[in-house]
Protein backbone atom coordinates (compact mmCIF):
# COMPACT_ATOMS: atom_id res chain seq x y z
CA MET A 1 0.00 0.00 0.00
CA ASN A 2 1.37 3.38 -1.00
CA LEU A 3 0.35 5.95 1.61
CA VAL A 4 1.58 8.91 -0.43
CA ASN A 5 -0.69 8.06 -3.36
CA ASP A 6 -3.63 7.28 -1.06
CA SER A 7 -3.38 10.60 0.78
CA GLY A 8 -2.91 12.44 -2.53
CA ALA A 9 -6.05 10.84 -3.93
CA GLN A 10 -7.95 11.67 -0.74
CA GLY A 11 -6.76 15.26 -0.92
CA GLU A 12 -7.88 15.52 -4.53
CA THR A 13 -11.26 14.00 -3.67
CA HIS A 14 -11.63 16.42 -0.75
CA ARG A 15 -10.89 19.37 -3.07
CA GLU A 16 -13.39 18.10 -5.64
CA ILE A 17 -16.07 17.75 -2.94
CA GLY A 18 -15.28 21.28 -1.78
CA ASP A 19 -15.65 22.57 -5.35
CA ILE A 20 -19.03 20.86 -5.73
CA ASN A 21 -20.16 22.12 -2.33
CA LEU A 22 -19.16 25.69 -3.16
CA ALA A 23 -20.91 25.63 -6.53
CA TYR A 24 -24.01 24.09 -4.94
CA MET A 25 -24.13 26.58 -2.06
CA LEU A 26 -23.67 29.59 -4.35
CA LEU A 27 -26.38 28.31 -6.69
CA ALA A 28 -28.72 27.51 -3.80
CA GLN A 29 -28.28 30.99 -2.34
CA LYS A 30 -28.85 32.58 -5.76
CA LEU A 31 -32.04 30.56 -6.24
CA VAL A 32 -33.30 31.52 -2.77
CA LYS A 33 -32.66 35.21 -3.40
CA GLN A 34 -34.38 35.10 -6.81
CA ASP A 35 -37.50 33.16 -5.81
CA LYS A 36 -37.64 31.57 -2.38
CA ALA A 37 -40.70 29.36 -3.03
CA ALA A 38 -39.29 27.97 -6.27
CA ALA A 39 -35.90 27.43 -4.61
CA MET A 40 -37.50 25.53 -1.75
CA PHE A 41 -39.21 23.23 -4.23
CA ARG A 42 -36.18 22.77 -6.51
CA LEU A 43 -33.75 22.21 -3.64
CA GLY A 44 -36.16 20.23 -1.46
CA ILE A 45 -35.54 22.46 1.56
CA THR A 46 -37.68 24.02 4.28
CA GLN A 47 -38.42 27.73 4.63
CA GLU A 48 -36.15 27.83 7.68
CA LEU A 49 -33.21 26.49 5.67
CA ALA A 50 -34.03 28.80 2.75
CA ASP A 51 -33.91 31.77 5.14
CA LEU A 52 -30.55 30.61 6.50
CA LEU A 53 -29.12 30.14 3.00
CA GLY A 54 -30.35 33.52 1.86
CA GLY A 55 -28.65 35.26 4.77
CA MET A 56 -25.27 33.53 4.66
CA THR A 57 -22.13 35.57 4.00
CA LEU A 58 -19.57 34.44 1.44
CA SER A 59 -17.22 33.60 4.31
CA GLN A 60 -19.84 31.33 5.90
CA ILE A 61 -20.52 29.64 2.56
CA MET A 62 -16.81 29.06 1.99
CA LYS A 63 -16.41 27.54 5.46
CA LEU A 64 -19.40 25.24 5.03
CA ALA A 65 -18.31 24.26 1.52
CA SER A 66 -14.90 23.13 2.78
CA SER A 67 -16.49 20.12 4.49
CA ASN A 68 -15.37 16.72 3.23
CA MET A 69 -19.04 15.66 3.12
CA LEU A 70 -21.22 16.45 0.12
CA LEU A 71 -23.84 19.04 1.03
CA CYS A 72 -26.16 18.11 -1.82
CA SER A 73 -27.76 14.75 -2.38
CA PHE A 74 -29.53 12.85 -5.13
CA ARG A 75 -33.23 13.56 -5.13
CA ILE A 76 -33.86 10.83 -7.66
CA GLY A 77 -34.03 8.17 -5.00
CA THR A 78 -36.19 5.48 -6.53
CA ALA A 79 -36.13 3.36 -9.67
CA PRO A 80 -39.35 4.92 -11.06
CA MET A 81 -37.92 8.42 -10.63
CA PHE A 82 -34.70 7.36 -12.34
CA ALA A 83 -36.69 5.80 -15.18
CA VAL A 84 -38.63 9.02 -15.73
CA ALA A 85 -35.43 11.06 -15.72
CA THR A 86 -33.78 8.88 -18.36
CA GLU A 87 -36.68 8.01 -20.66
CA GLU A 88 -37.07 9.45 -24.13
CA LYS A 89 -39.95 11.92 -23.88
CA ALA A 90 -40.57 15.47 -24.90
CA SER A 91 -38.58 17.55 -22.44
CA GLY A 92 -41.64 19.52 -21.25
CA LEU A 93 -43.58 16.36 -20.48
CA GLN A 94 -40.57 14.78 -18.77
CA ALA A 95 -40.02 17.90 -16.64
CA ALA A 96 -43.69 17.93 -15.61
CA HIS A 97 -43.57 14.24 -14.69
CA MET A 98 -40.41 14.74 -12.61
CA SER A 99 -41.95 17.75 -10.87
CA ILE A 100 -44.97 15.67 -9.89
CA LEU A 101 -42.78 12.88 -8.54
CA MET A 102 -40.54 15.30 -6.64
CA ALA A 103 -43.51 17.15 -5.15
CA GLY A 104 -44.97 13.85 -3.96
CA ARG A 105 -41.66 12.89 -2.41
CA GLN A 106 -41.36 16.25 -0.67
CA VAL A 107 -44.90 16.01 0.75
CA SER A 108 -44.15 12.50 2.03
CA ALA A 109 -40.94 13.67 3.69
CA GLN A 110 -42.69 16.62 5.36
CA ALA A 111 -45.50 14.37 6.61
CA ALA A 112 -42.91 12.05 8.16
CA HIS A 113 -41.47 14.94 10.18
CA VAL A 114 -44.80 16.03 11.65
C-alpha cells in the first residue's frame, strides 16, 4: 500500500467535494434570493433552511463548503424516478412528470417529520 498516493487521492477527492459544495451553495443561495418558493421546491428544503441560505455571508458559505461531506444529495431516489429522468420523452412532459414525482416525495418527507 502506497500511503503517499492514497493521501494524494484523498486530498484531490476532498478538493473536488469542496468545489461541488461551493458551486451548490452559491447556486442555492442565488435561487433563494431570486424566488424563495421555487428554490424551496427545486432544492427540497424548508423555509427555515431557505432563510438561512439567503442570509449567509460568502465567508460562511466558503467555510461550510470546505467540508469533506457532500452538502447536496440525489433527489432521484427510486427506480421509477430514475426511469422518468432517463426516458425518451418530450422535455416539457418529462419535466412535468419529474416535478410531480418530486412534489410527492417532498410532501411524504414533510408528513414524516410532523
